[in-house]
C-alpha cells in the first residue's frame, strides 16, 4: 500500500499577510475558510499533483491545538504533513494490526467562504516522526479544489520531496513499514533514507546527515523542515528575502523532462525564510 502525500501544513501569524506574500511568489492561493469549533482559518496552495500547502493561522490563542504551541514558541513555518488514506479508520486498523499505534480517528471539518461544509476524519500518530492521516468524508474535490487554481505563475507543479528530521532512521523506517504495509524498507545510508509517497519522495534525515536536520532536531525535535517543489521554470521566484515564505524552506527543483515536456532546465535556487 502506498499512501500519497495529501498536504503540508505551514503555520503563520497572519493569514492575510501570508496569502499576499505567497501570491507575490507566484503561487495561486485559494481562501479555505474556518474550522468550526476552532480558532483557526486557512488558505490553500493546490498543485497539479493533487497535494497542497495549507496556510493556517489563529484568530485567538488555542493552547489545546497541536500546532499552536509550535507557532507561539518557534514562529511560523512547516509544522506537520498529512497522508491521504482511502478511509482513515481502515488505515488506522491496518497499522494497529502491524504493531503501530495511531490515535483513534476524530471528525474534522471546514466551512468554506461560499458556505459549503466539508467533513473529514483525522488520525494522529503517537510519535512526531510520522504524519497524520486526513481521509475525506465529503468528496475530496470539495476540500481540494481543481481546475485553474492549480496553475501557478511560478511554474510549480507539485511536491517533489519532503525532508523530515528524525533521531533514528532505522526506527522511523520500521514505523513507516507498519503504516504503509511495506514488505521491506530501504536500509539507511549515512543517517538518511528515502521513501516514495505517491509522486513525492520522503527524505528522512538525522543530525549526522546534515546541519539543517541537526538544527531542526535541536530546536524543535522531529518533524518536517524543508520542501522541494517541481517547477517547469528555471528561476520563477527570483530573490527571496526573509519572511516571504513565512518560515517555510522551499527548494525549487526542475521538473523531469519526461513530465515537463520541455527542454532541460537548470535547478532553481533555494528559498529560505
C-alpha atoms as a PDB file:
ATOM      1  CA  UNK A   1       0.000   0.000   0.000  1.00  0.00           C
ATOM      2  CA  UNK A   2       1.248   3.472  -0.856  1.00  0.00           C
ATOM      3  CA  UNK A   3      -0.430   6.454   0.739  1.00  0.00           C
ATOM      4  CA  UNK A   4       0.154   9.672  -1.232  1.00  0.00           C
ATOM      5  CA  UNK A   5       1.022  12.990   0.292  1.00  0.00           C
ATOM      6  CA  UNK A   6      -2.168  14.923   0.989  1.00  0.00           C
ATOM      7  CA  UNK A   7      -0.904  18.261   2.255  1.00  0.00           C
ATOM      8  CA  UNK A   8       1.798  20.124   4.156  1.00  0.00           C
ATOM      9  CA  UNK A   9       0.834  22.478   6.976  1.00  0.00           C
ATOM     10  CA  UNK A  10       2.529  25.880   7.256  1.00  0.00           C
ATOM     11  CA  UNK A  11       1.543  27.784  10.388  1.00  0.00           C
ATOM     12  CA  UNK A  12       1.589  31.579  10.062  1.00  0.00           C
ATOM     13  CA  UNK A  13       0.861  34.513  12.346  1.00  0.00           C
ATOM     14  CA  UNK A  14      -1.370  36.412   9.930  1.00  0.00           C
ATOM     15  CA  UNK A  15      -3.288  34.654   7.169  1.00  0.00           C
ATOM     16  CA  UNK A  16      -3.917  37.729   5.013  1.00  0.00           C
ATOM     17  CA  UNK A  17      -0.219  38.593   5.058  1.00  0.00           C
ATOM     18  CA  UNK A  18       0.728  35.019   4.130  1.00  0.00           C
ATOM     19  CA  UNK A  19      -1.768  34.977   1.256  1.00  0.00           C
ATOM     20  CA  UNK A  20      -0.339  38.248  -0.051  1.00  0.00           C
ATOM     21  CA  UNK A  21       3.267  37.053   0.188  1.00  0.00           C
ATOM     22  CA  UNK A  22       2.661  33.656  -1.404  1.00  0.00           C
ATOM     23  CA  UNK A  23       0.805  35.308  -4.273  1.00  0.00           C
ATOM     24  CA  UNK A  24       3.776  37.618  -4.749  1.00  0.00           C
ATOM     25  CA  UNK A  25       5.950  34.485  -5.009  1.00  0.00           C
ATOM     26  CA  UNK A  26       3.872  33.332  -7.975  1.00  0.00           C
ATOM     27  CA  UNK A  27       1.546  30.902  -6.212  1.00  0.00           C
ATOM     28  CA  UNK A  28      -2.199  30.843  -6.740  1.00  0.00           C
ATOM     29  CA  UNK A  29      -3.723  30.988  -3.264  1.00  0.00           C
ATOM     30  CA  UNK A  30      -7.334  29.998  -2.566  1.00  0.00           C
ATOM     31  CA  UNK A  31      -9.126  31.049   0.644  1.00  0.00           C
ATOM     32  CA  UNK A  32     -10.035  27.917   2.598  1.00  0.00           C
ATOM     33  CA  UNK A  33     -12.386  29.066   5.333  1.00  0.00           C
ATOM     34  CA  UNK A  34     -12.897  28.485   9.054  1.00  0.00           C
ATOM     35  CA  UNK A  35     -12.714  25.341  11.152  1.00  0.00           C
ATOM     36  CA  UNK A  36     -15.893  25.083  13.258  1.00  0.00           C
ATOM     37  CA  UNK A  37     -15.138  24.784  16.953  1.00  0.00           C
ATOM     38  CA  UNK A  38     -11.586  26.006  16.423  1.00  0.00           C
ATOM     39  CA  UNK A  39      -9.904  29.409  16.339  1.00  0.00           C
ATOM     40  CA  UNK A  40      -8.247  28.628  13.002  1.00  0.00           C
ATOM     41  CA  UNK A  41      -8.792  29.689   9.422  1.00  0.00           C
ATOM     42  CA  UNK A  42      -6.766  28.765   6.375  1.00  0.00           C
ATOM     43  CA  UNK A  43      -5.896  29.187   2.721  1.00  0.00           C
ATOM     44  CA  UNK A  44      -4.679  26.614   0.199  1.00  0.00           C
ATOM     45  CA  UNK A  45      -1.975  26.429  -2.454  1.00  0.00           C
ATOM     46  CA  UNK A  46      -3.045  23.425  -4.547  1.00  0.00           C
ATOM     47  CA  UNK A  47      -0.725  21.739  -7.052  1.00  0.00           C
ATOM     48  CA  UNK A  48      -1.282  19.751 -10.224  1.00  0.00           C
ATOM     49  CA  UNK A  49      -0.189  16.534  -8.488  1.00  0.00           C
ATOM     50  CA  UNK A  50      -3.094  16.880  -6.026  1.00  0.00           C
ATOM     51  CA  UNK A  51      -1.027  17.829  -2.989  1.00  0.00           C
ATOM     52  CA  UNK A  52      -1.264  21.244  -1.399  1.00  0.00           C
ATOM     53  CA  UNK A  53       0.043  23.685   1.176  1.00  0.00           C
ATOM     54  CA  UNK A  54      -2.273  24.610   3.996  1.00  0.00           C
ATOM     55  CA  UNK A  55      -1.517  28.103   5.276  1.00  0.00           C
ATOM     56  CA  UNK A  56      -3.132  28.161   8.706  1.00  0.00           C
ATOM     57  CA  UNK A  57      -3.488  30.959  11.239  1.00  0.00           C
ATOM     58  CA  UNK A  58      -5.277  31.581  14.525  1.00  0.00           C
ATOM     59  CA  UNK A  59      -7.827  34.259  15.327  1.00  0.00           C
ATOM     60  CA  UNK A  60      -7.149  33.717  19.037  1.00  0.00           C
ATOM     61  CA  UNK A  61      -4.672  31.669  21.101  1.00  0.00           C
ATOM     62  CA  UNK A  62      -5.588  27.972  21.249  1.00  0.00           C
ATOM     63  CA  UNK A  63      -3.375  26.061  23.647  1.00  0.00           C
ATOM     64  CA  UNK A  64      -5.141  22.745  23.004  1.00  0.00           C
ATOM     65  CA  UNK A  65      -4.405  22.804  19.266  1.00  0.00           C
ATOM     66  CA  UNK A  66      -1.417  20.589  18.331  1.00  0.00           C
ATOM     67  CA  UNK A  67       0.165  23.316  16.142  1.00  0.00           C
ATOM     68  CA  UNK A  68      -0.486  26.462  18.152  1.00  0.00           C
ATOM     69  CA  UNK A  69       2.333  25.820  20.687  1.00  0.00           C
ATOM     70  CA  UNK A  70       4.801  25.381  17.821  1.00  0.00           C
ATOM     71  CA  UNK A  71       3.794  28.673  16.227  1.00  0.00           C
ATOM     72  CA  UNK A  72       3.797  30.579  19.509  1.00  0.00           C
ATOM     73  CA  UNK A  73       7.164  29.195  20.613  1.00  0.00           C
ATOM     74  CA  UNK A  74       9.168  28.847  17.393  1.00  0.00           C
ATOM     75  CA  UNK A  75       7.437  31.205  14.981  1.00  0.00           C
ATOM     76  CA  UNK A  76       5.926  30.497  11.562  1.00  0.00           C
ATOM     77  CA  UNK A  77       6.986  27.562   9.438  1.00  0.00           C
ATOM     78  CA  UNK A  78       6.286  23.967   8.471  1.00  0.00           C
ATOM     79  CA  UNK A  79       4.592  22.219  11.376  1.00  0.00           C
ATOM     80  CA  UNK A  80       3.141  18.968  10.000  1.00  0.00           C
ATOM     81  CA  UNK A  81       2.056  16.969   6.977  1.00  0.00           C
ATOM     82  CA  UNK A  82      -0.719  14.535   6.137  1.00  0.00           C
ATOM     83  CA  UNK A  83      -1.118  11.422   4.023  1.00  0.00           C
ATOM     84  CA  UNK A  84      -4.321  10.615   2.146  1.00  0.00           C
ATOM     85  CA  UNK A  85      -5.945   7.285   3.148  1.00  0.00           C
ATOM     86  CA  UNK A  86      -8.842   5.588   1.426  1.00  0.00           C
ATOM     87  CA  UNK A  87     -10.632   5.704   4.762  1.00  0.00           C
ATOM     88  CA  UNK A  88      -8.953   6.794   7.972  1.00  0.00           C
ATOM     89  CA  UNK A  89     -10.366   4.050  10.255  1.00  0.00           C
ATOM     90  CA  UNK A  90      -9.237   1.325   7.861  1.00  0.00           C
ATOM     91  CA  UNK A  91      -5.640   2.555   7.691  1.00  0.00           C
ATOM     92  CA  UNK A  92      -5.515   3.002  11.466  1.00  0.00           C
ATOM     93  CA  UNK A  93      -6.789  -0.548  11.961  1.00  0.00           C
ATOM     94  CA  UNK A  94      -4.267  -1.935   9.471  1.00  0.00           C
ATOM     95  CA  UNK A  95      -1.418  -0.100  11.165  1.00  0.00           C
ATOM     96  CA  UNK A  96      -2.516  -1.416  14.544  1.00  0.00           C
ATOM     97  CA  UNK A  97      -2.559  -4.972  13.181  1.00  0.00           C
ATOM     98  CA  UNK A  98       1.103  -4.479  12.236  1.00  0.00           C
ATOM     99  CA  UNK A  99       2.013  -3.216  15.685  1.00  0.00           C
ATOM    100  CA  UNK A 100       1.866   0.537  15.054  1.00  0.00           C
ATOM    101  CA  UNK A 101      -0.458   2.591  17.235  1.00  0.00           C
ATOM    102  CA  UNK A 102      -2.238   5.689  15.942  1.00  0.00           C
ATOM    103  CA  UNK A 103      -4.664   7.757  17.938  1.00  0.00           C
ATOM    104  CA  UNK A 104      -8.328   6.944  17.163  1.00  0.00           C
ATOM    105  CA  UNK A 105      -9.865   8.807  14.222  1.00  0.00           C
ATOM    106  CA  UNK A 106     -11.568  12.098  15.047  1.00  0.00           C
ATOM    107  CA  UNK A 107     -14.066  14.049  12.974  1.00  0.00           C
ATOM    108  CA  UNK A 108     -12.999  17.347  11.476  1.00  0.00           C
ATOM    109  CA  UNK A 109     -14.367  19.878   9.068  1.00  0.00           C
ATOM    110  CA  UNK A 110     -14.191  23.288   7.476  1.00  0.00           C
ATOM    111  CA  UNK A 111     -16.730  25.870   6.368  1.00  0.00           C
ATOM    112  CA  UNK A 112     -15.693  27.371   3.050  1.00  0.00           C
ATOM    113  CA  UNK A 113     -16.266  31.076   2.305  1.00  0.00           C
ATOM    114  CA  UNK A 114     -19.049  30.064  -0.137  1.00  0.00           C
ATOM    115  CA  UNK A 115     -20.916  28.272   2.656  1.00  0.00           C
ATOM    116  CA  UNK A 116     -20.029  24.697   1.629  1.00  0.00           C
ATOM    117  CA  UNK A 117     -19.268  22.498   4.636  1.00  0.00           C
ATOM    118  CA  UNK A 118     -16.520  19.881   4.348  1.00  0.00           C
ATOM    119  CA  UNK A 119     -16.029  16.856   6.568  1.00  0.00           C
ATOM    120  CA  UNK A 120     -13.092  14.515   7.095  1.00  0.00           C
ATOM    121  CA  UNK A 121     -11.549  12.168   9.642  1.00  0.00           C
ATOM    122  CA  UNK A 122      -8.062  12.716  11.007  1.00  0.00           C
ATOM    123  CA  UNK A 123      -5.851  10.334  12.955  1.00  0.00           C
ATOM    124  CA  UNK A 124      -2.639  11.441  14.595  1.00  0.00           C
ATOM    125  CA  UNK A 125       0.466   9.329  15.261  1.00  0.00           C
ATOM    126  CA  UNK A 126       1.904   8.743  18.696  1.00  0.00           C
ATOM    127  CA  UNK A 127       5.413   9.805  17.583  1.00  0.00           C
ATOM    128  CA  UNK A 128       6.319  13.102  15.847  1.00  0.00           C
ATOM    129  CA  UNK A 129       8.350  11.478  13.072  1.00  0.00           C
ATOM    130  CA  UNK A 130       5.151  10.248  11.381  1.00  0.00           C
ATOM    131  CA  UNK A 131       2.422  12.164   9.508  1.00  0.00           C
ATOM    132  CA  UNK A 132      -1.217  12.392  10.439  1.00  0.00           C
ATOM    133  CA  UNK A 133      -3.933  10.917   8.235  1.00  0.00           C
ATOM    134  CA  UNK A 134      -6.598  13.049   6.556  1.00  0.00           C
ATOM    135  CA  UNK A 135      -9.387  10.994   4.974  1.00  0.00           C
ATOM    136  CA  UNK A 136     -12.350  12.671   3.312  1.00  0.00           C
ATOM    137  CA  UNK A 137     -15.950  12.016   4.278  1.00  0.00           C
ATOM    138  CA  UNK A 138     -17.311  14.557   1.793  1.00  0.00           C
ATOM    139  CA  UNK A 139     -15.776  14.427  -1.723  1.00  0.00           C
ATOM    140  CA  UNK A 140     -12.119  15.462  -1.784  1.00  0.00           C
ATOM    141  CA  UNK A 141     -12.786  17.831  -4.694  1.00  0.00           C
ATOM    142  CA  UNK A 142     -14.776  19.994  -2.272  1.00  0.00           C
ATOM    143  CA  UNK A 143     -11.816  20.193   0.110  1.00  0.00           C
ATOM    144  CA  UNK A 144      -9.083  20.372  -2.531  1.00  0.00           C
ATOM    145  CA  UNK A 145     -10.233  22.487  -5.489  1.00  0.00           C
ATOM    146  CA  UNK A 146      -9.425  21.558  -9.056  1.00  0.00           C
ATOM    147  CA  UNK A 147      -9.034  23.496 -12.289  1.00  0.00           C
ATOM    148  CA  UNK A 148      -7.242  26.835 -12.777  1.00  0.00           C
ATOM    149  CA  UNK A 149      -6.467  27.218  -9.052  1.00  0.00           C
ATOM    150  CA  UNK A 150      -3.809  24.533  -9.559  1.00  0.00           C
ATOM    151  CA  UNK A 151      -1.944  26.663 -12.098  1.00  0.00           C
ATOM    152  CA  UNK A 152       0.845  28.853 -10.730  1.00  0.00           C
ATOM    153  CA  UNK A 153       2.700  31.702 -12.372  1.00  0.00           C
ATOM    154  CA  UNK A 154       5.979  30.383 -10.975  1.00  0.00           C
ATOM    155  CA  UNK A 155       5.561  27.052 -12.809  1.00  0.00           C
ATOM    156  CA  UNK A 156       5.327  24.900  -9.677  1.00  0.00           C
ATOM    157  CA  UNK A 157       3.592  21.595 -10.420  1.00  0.00           C
ATOM    158  CA  UNK A 158       3.826  19.663  -7.167  1.00  0.00           C
ATOM    159  CA  UNK A 159       5.860  18.487  -4.196  1.00  0.00           C
ATOM    160  CA  UNK A 160       8.974  16.685  -5.388  1.00  0.00           C
ATOM    161  CA  UNK A 161      10.339  15.907  -1.943  1.00  0.00           C
ATOM    162  CA  UNK A 162       9.643  16.485   1.719  1.00  0.00           C
ATOM    163  CA  UNK A 163      12.522  16.389   4.178  1.00  0.00           C
ATOM    164  CA  UNK A 164      11.865  15.202   7.728  1.00  0.00           C
ATOM    165  CA  UNK A 165      14.335  15.309  10.614  1.00  0.00           C
ATOM    166  CA  UNK A 166      14.369  12.148  12.746  1.00  0.00           C
ATOM    167  CA  UNK A 167      16.516  10.862  15.591  1.00  0.00           C
ATOM    168  CA  UNK A 168      16.776   7.225  14.452  1.00  0.00           C
ATOM    169  CA  UNK A 169      16.237   6.473  10.755  1.00  0.00           C
ATOM    170  CA  UNK A 170      16.027   2.705  11.242  1.00  0.00           C
ATOM    171  CA  UNK A 171      13.333   3.041  13.902  1.00  0.00           C
ATOM    172  CA  UNK A 172      11.355   5.538  11.822  1.00  0.00           C
ATOM    173  CA  UNK A 173      11.588   3.301   8.754  1.00  0.00           C
ATOM    174  CA  UNK A 174      10.145   0.434  10.768  1.00  0.00           C
ATOM    175  CA  UNK A 175       7.194   2.611  11.735  1.00  0.00           C
ATOM    176  CA  UNK A 176       6.635   3.578   8.094  1.00  0.00           C
ATOM    177  CA  UNK A 177       6.801  -0.091   7.153  1.00  0.00           C
ATOM    178  CA  UNK A 178       3.937  -0.751   9.545  1.00  0.00           C
ATOM    179  CA  UNK A 179       1.967   2.314   8.465  1.00  0.00           C
ATOM    180  CA  UNK A 180       2.272   1.673   4.729  1.00  0.00           C
ATOM    181  CA  UNK A 181       2.248  -2.116   4.846  1.00  0.00           C
ATOM    182  CA  UNK A 182       5.618  -2.380   3.120  1.00  0.00           C
ATOM    183  CA  UNK A 183       7.261  -5.785   2.892  1.00  0.00           C
ATOM    184  CA  UNK A 184      10.672  -4.224   3.255  1.00  0.00           C
ATOM    185  CA  UNK A 185      12.177  -0.763   3.524  1.00  0.00           C
ATOM    186  CA  UNK A 186      15.479   0.626   2.244  1.00  0.00           C
ATOM    187  CA  UNK A 187      18.454   0.410   4.538  1.00  0.00           C
ATOM    188  CA  UNK A 188      19.618   3.769   5.915  1.00  0.00           C
ATOM    189  CA  UNK A 189      22.776   5.190   4.388  1.00  0.00           C
ATOM    190  CA  UNK A 190      24.854   7.712   6.323  1.00  0.00           C
ATOM    191  CA  UNK A 191      21.955   8.704   8.550  1.00  0.00           C
ATOM    192  CA  UNK A 192      19.371   9.142   5.796  1.00  0.00           C
ATOM    193  CA  UNK A 193      16.816   7.186   3.800  1.00  0.00           C
ATOM    194  CA  UNK A 194      14.101   7.860   1.202  1.00  0.00           C
ATOM    195  CA  UNK A 195      10.586   6.512   0.702  1.00  0.00           C
ATOM    196  CA  UNK A 196       8.068   7.173  -2.096  1.00  0.00           C
ATOM    197  CA  UNK A 197       4.747   8.737  -1.139  1.00  0.00           C
ATOM    198  CA  UNK A 198       2.911   8.749  -4.437  1.00  0.00           C
ATOM    199  CA  UNK A 199       4.778  11.268  -6.606  1.00  0.00           C
ATOM    200  CA  UNK A 200       6.632  12.716  -3.636  1.00  0.00           C
ATOM    201  CA  UNK A 201       9.891  11.411  -2.182  1.00  0.00           C
ATOM    202  CA  UNK A 202      10.009  11.442   1.605  1.00  0.00           C
ATOM    203  CA  UNK A 203      13.568  12.048   2.824  1.00  0.00           C
ATOM    204  CA  UNK A 204      14.327  11.039   6.405  1.00  0.00           C
ATOM    205  CA  UNK A 205      17.484  12.660   7.769  1.00  0.00           C
ATOM    206  CA  UNK A 206      19.291  12.566  11.102  1.00  0.00           C
ATOM    207  CA  UNK A 207      21.566  15.135  12.705  1.00  0.00           C
ATOM    208  CA  UNK A 208      24.556  13.311  11.252  1.00  0.00           C
ATOM    209  CA  UNK A 209      23.158  13.622   7.725  1.00  0.00           C
ATOM    210  CA  UNK A 210      23.268  17.415   7.501  1.00  0.00           C
ATOM    211  CA  UNK A 211      23.298  20.594   9.550  1.00  0.00           C
ATOM    212  CA  UNK A 212      19.709  21.568   8.689  1.00  0.00           C
ATOM    213  CA  UNK A 213      18.294  18.372  10.166  1.00  0.00           C
ATOM    214  CA  UNK A 214      20.537  18.807  13.188  1.00  0.00           C
ATOM    215  CA  UNK A 215      19.220  22.335  13.748  1.00  0.00           C
ATOM    216  CA  UNK A 216      15.604  21.215  13.458  1.00  0.00           C
ATOM    217  CA  UNK A 217      16.160  18.386  15.953  1.00  0.00           C
ATOM    218  CA  UNK A 218      17.966  20.636  18.414  1.00  0.00           C
ATOM    219  CA  UNK A 219      15.323  23.375  18.362  1.00  0.00           C
ATOM    220  CA  UNK A 220      12.002  21.598  17.793  1.00  0.00           C
ATOM    221  CA  UNK A 221      12.599  17.863  17.717  1.00  0.00           C
ATOM    222  CA  UNK A 222      11.494  15.529  14.961  1.00  0.00           C
ATOM    223  CA  UNK A 223       9.374  16.730  12.065  1.00  0.00           C
ATOM    224  CA  UNK A 224       9.327  18.189   8.540  1.00  0.00           C
ATOM    225  CA  UNK A 225      11.691  21.073   7.858  1.00  0.00           C
ATOM    226  CA  UNK A 226      12.082  21.580   4.090  1.00  0.00           C
ATOM    227  CA  UNK A 227      10.105  21.151   0.873  1.00  0.00           C
ATOM    228  CA  UNK A 228      11.303  20.553  -2.685  1.00  0.00           C
ATOM    229  CA  UNK A 229       8.910  21.730  -5.391  1.00  0.00           C
ATOM    230  CA  UNK A 230       8.856  20.613  -9.009  1.00  0.00           C
ATOM    231  CA  UNK A 231       8.742  23.553 -11.372  1.00  0.00           C
ATOM    232  CA  UNK A 232       8.667  23.957 -15.155  1.00  0.00           C
ATOM    233  CA  UNK A 233      10.638  27.202 -14.954  1.00  0.00           C
ATOM    234  CA  UNK A 234      14.279  27.735 -14.166  1.00  0.00           C
ATOM    235  CA  UNK A 235      14.088  30.764 -11.854  1.00  0.00           C
ATOM    236  CA  UNK A 236      10.399  31.544 -11.281  1.00  0.00           C
ATOM    237  CA  UNK A 237      10.673  33.122  -7.851  1.00  0.00           C
ATOM    238  CA  UNK A 238      13.773  35.250  -8.174  1.00  0.00           C
ATOM    239  CA  UNK A 239      15.418  36.505  -4.980  1.00  0.00           C
ATOM    240  CA  UNK A 240      13.510  35.549  -1.835  1.00  0.00           C
ATOM    241  CA  UNK A 241      14.114  37.561   1.311  1.00  0.00           C
ATOM    242  CA  UNK A 242      13.396  36.690   4.917  1.00  0.00           C
ATOM    243  CA  UNK A 243       9.700  36.476   5.686  1.00  0.00           C
ATOM    244  CA  UNK A 244       8.224  35.898   2.239  1.00  0.00           C
ATOM    245  CA  UNK A 245       7.676  32.183   2.788  1.00  0.00           C
ATOM    246  CA  UNK A 246       6.686  32.657   6.444  1.00  0.00           C
ATOM    247  CA  UNK A 247       9.289  30.325   7.847  1.00  0.00           C
ATOM    248  CA  UNK A 248       8.992  27.568   5.250  1.00  0.00           C
ATOM    249  CA  UNK A 249      12.144  26.467   3.488  1.00  0.00           C
ATOM    250  CA  UNK A 250      11.332  25.905  -0.186  1.00  0.00           C
ATOM    251  CA  UNK A 251      13.688  24.496  -2.810  1.00  0.00           C
ATOM    252  CA  UNK A 252      12.725  24.667  -6.483  1.00  0.00           C
ATOM    253  CA  UNK A 253      13.631  21.579  -8.487  1.00  0.00           C
ATOM    254  CA  UNK A 254      13.410  21.279 -12.258  1.00  0.00           C
ATOM    255  CA  UNK A 255      10.598  19.009 -13.358  1.00  0.00           C
ATOM    256  CA  UNK A 256      11.998  15.935 -15.154  1.00  0.00           C
ATOM    257  CA  UNK A 257      11.890  16.399 -18.923  1.00  0.00           C
ATOM    258  CA  UNK A 258       9.586  13.409 -19.376  1.00  0.00           C
ATOM    259  CA  UNK A 259       6.974  15.088 -17.173  1.00  0.00           C
ATOM    260  CA  UNK A 260       7.548  18.681 -18.197  1.00  0.00           C
ATOM    261  CA  UNK A 261       7.636  18.014 -21.926  1.00  0.00           C
ATOM    262  CA  UNK A 262      10.222  20.738 -22.260  1.00  0.00           C
ATOM    263  CA  UNK A 263      13.896  21.267 -22.874  1.00  0.00           C
ATOM    264  CA  UNK A 264      16.244  20.619 -19.957  1.00  0.00           C
ATOM    265  CA  UNK A 265      16.171  23.299 -17.292  1.00  0.00           C
ATOM    266  CA  UNK A 266      18.634  24.101 -14.546  1.00  0.00           C
ATOM    267  CA  UNK A 267      17.818  23.735 -10.885  1.00  0.00           C
ATOM    268  CA  UNK A 268      16.466  26.908  -9.402  1.00  0.00           C
ATOM    269  CA  UNK A 269      17.719  28.466  -6.210  1.00  0.00           C
ATOM    270  CA  UNK A 270      16.661  27.607  -2.696  1.00  0.00           C
ATOM    271  CA  UNK A 271      14.343  29.891  -0.819  1.00  0.00           C
ATOM    272  CA  UNK A 272      14.884  30.304   2.904  1.00  0.00           C
ATOM    273  CA  UNK A 273      12.634  32.135   5.298  1.00  0.00           C
END
